[in-house]
Protein backbone atom coordinates (compact mmCIF):
# COMPACT_ATOMS: atom_id res chain seq x y z
CA MET A 1 169.69 158.32 152.14
CA HIS A 2 168.12 161.11 149.62
CA LYS A 3 165.77 158.30 148.39
CA SER A 4 164.78 157.19 152.02
CA LYS A 5 163.92 160.68 153.03
CA THR A 6 161.40 161.01 149.82
CA SER A 7 159.80 157.48 150.08
CA SER A 8 158.78 158.64 153.92
CA ARG A 9 157.38 161.52 152.77
CA LEU A 10 155.51 160.13 150.12
CA PHE A 11 154.01 157.42 152.45
CA THR A 12 153.41 160.18 154.92
CA ILE A 13 151.19 161.82 152.23
CA LEU A 14 149.43 159.09 151.40
CA LEU A 15 148.72 157.78 155.01
CA THR A 16 147.33 161.13 155.51
CA LEU A 17 144.97 161.53 152.35
CA ILE A 18 144.01 157.64 153.03
CA MET A 19 142.94 159.13 157.29
CA VAL A 20 141.16 162.18 155.94
CA LEU A 21 138.91 160.35 153.11
CA GLY A 22 138.25 157.60 155.68
CA ILE A 23 136.33 160.07 158.03
CA LEU A 24 133.90 161.57 155.14
CA PRO A 25 130.79 160.13 155.16
CA ILE A 26 130.36 157.66 151.96
CA SER A 27 127.45 159.72 151.00
CA THR A 28 129.72 162.24 149.73
CA PHE A 29 130.78 159.81 146.84
CA ALA A 30 127.38 158.87 146.00
CA ALA A 31 126.07 159.48 142.45
CA GLY A 32 123.18 162.28 142.58
CA GLY A 33 123.97 163.56 146.52
CA THR A 34 121.29 164.64 148.12
CA GLU A 35 118.37 163.88 145.66
CA SER A 36 118.83 159.80 145.38
CA THR A 37 117.21 157.58 146.69
CA ILE A 38 117.61 153.83 148.41
CA LYS A 39 116.03 150.59 147.93
CA VAL A 40 114.86 148.80 150.88
CA TYR A 41 112.92 145.73 151.83
CA MET A 42 110.45 146.10 154.51
CA THR A 43 107.82 143.20 156.08
CA PHE A 44 105.77 142.92 159.29
CA GLU A 45 105.59 139.37 160.48
CA GLY A 46 103.86 137.59 163.34
CA TYR A 47 105.75 134.82 163.91
CA ASN A 48 106.39 134.80 167.53
CA LEU A 49 102.52 134.64 167.60
CA GLY A 50 102.13 131.89 164.79
CA GLN A 51 100.47 134.20 162.31
CA GLY A 52 103.12 134.34 159.45
CA PHE A 53 103.45 137.77 157.68
CA TYR A 54 101.00 140.28 158.26
CA ILE A 55 102.78 142.25 155.02
CA GLU A 56 105.22 139.94 152.95
CA PRO A 57 108.66 141.33 152.42
CA THR A 58 108.54 144.28 149.69
CA ALA A 59 110.69 146.67 148.59
CA ILE A 60 110.60 150.76 148.70
CA GLU A 61 112.60 153.02 147.40
CA ILE A 62 112.45 156.38 149.71
CA PRO A 63 114.77 159.47 149.64
CA ALA A 64 118.29 158.95 151.28
CA GLY A 65 118.10 160.03 154.53
CA SER A 66 114.82 158.80 155.63
CA THR A 67 113.74 158.08 158.83
CA VAL A 68 112.04 154.54 159.55
CA GLY A 69 109.38 156.03 160.12
CA GLU A 70 108.81 157.83 157.32
CA ALA A 71 109.66 154.04 155.50
CA THR A 72 106.81 152.48 157.32
CA ILE A 73 104.14 155.01 156.39
CA LEU A 74 105.08 154.79 152.49
CA LEU A 75 105.20 150.81 153.15
CA LEU A 76 101.44 150.90 154.62
CA SER A 77 100.04 153.55 152.53
CA GLN A 78 101.49 151.47 149.18
CA THR A 79 100.38 148.28 150.29
CA GLY A 80 96.89 149.53 151.49
CA ALA A 81 97.03 148.69 155.21
C-alpha cells in the first residue's frame, strides 16, 4: 500500500508540473529571448480581380512581437513599392 501512495504523489507532482509549463508562453523557451527575430512570408495579390501578384511572396525577418502593420511597412520598403 505504501508503494501506491508514492506513485500517486509522483503522478500528482508530474501532472502539476505539466499544467504549469502548459500555461507559459512559448517565447519563454525561445533562444535569444526578446531580441530574437522571426521569418514571415508576405505577399500582395489581386487574384479576385484577375490581376495576379502585386508583390510576389517574399520572406522578411522581423523582430519577435512585431505587428502585421510593421511587417507590411518593412515589406513595402524592401520591395520599393
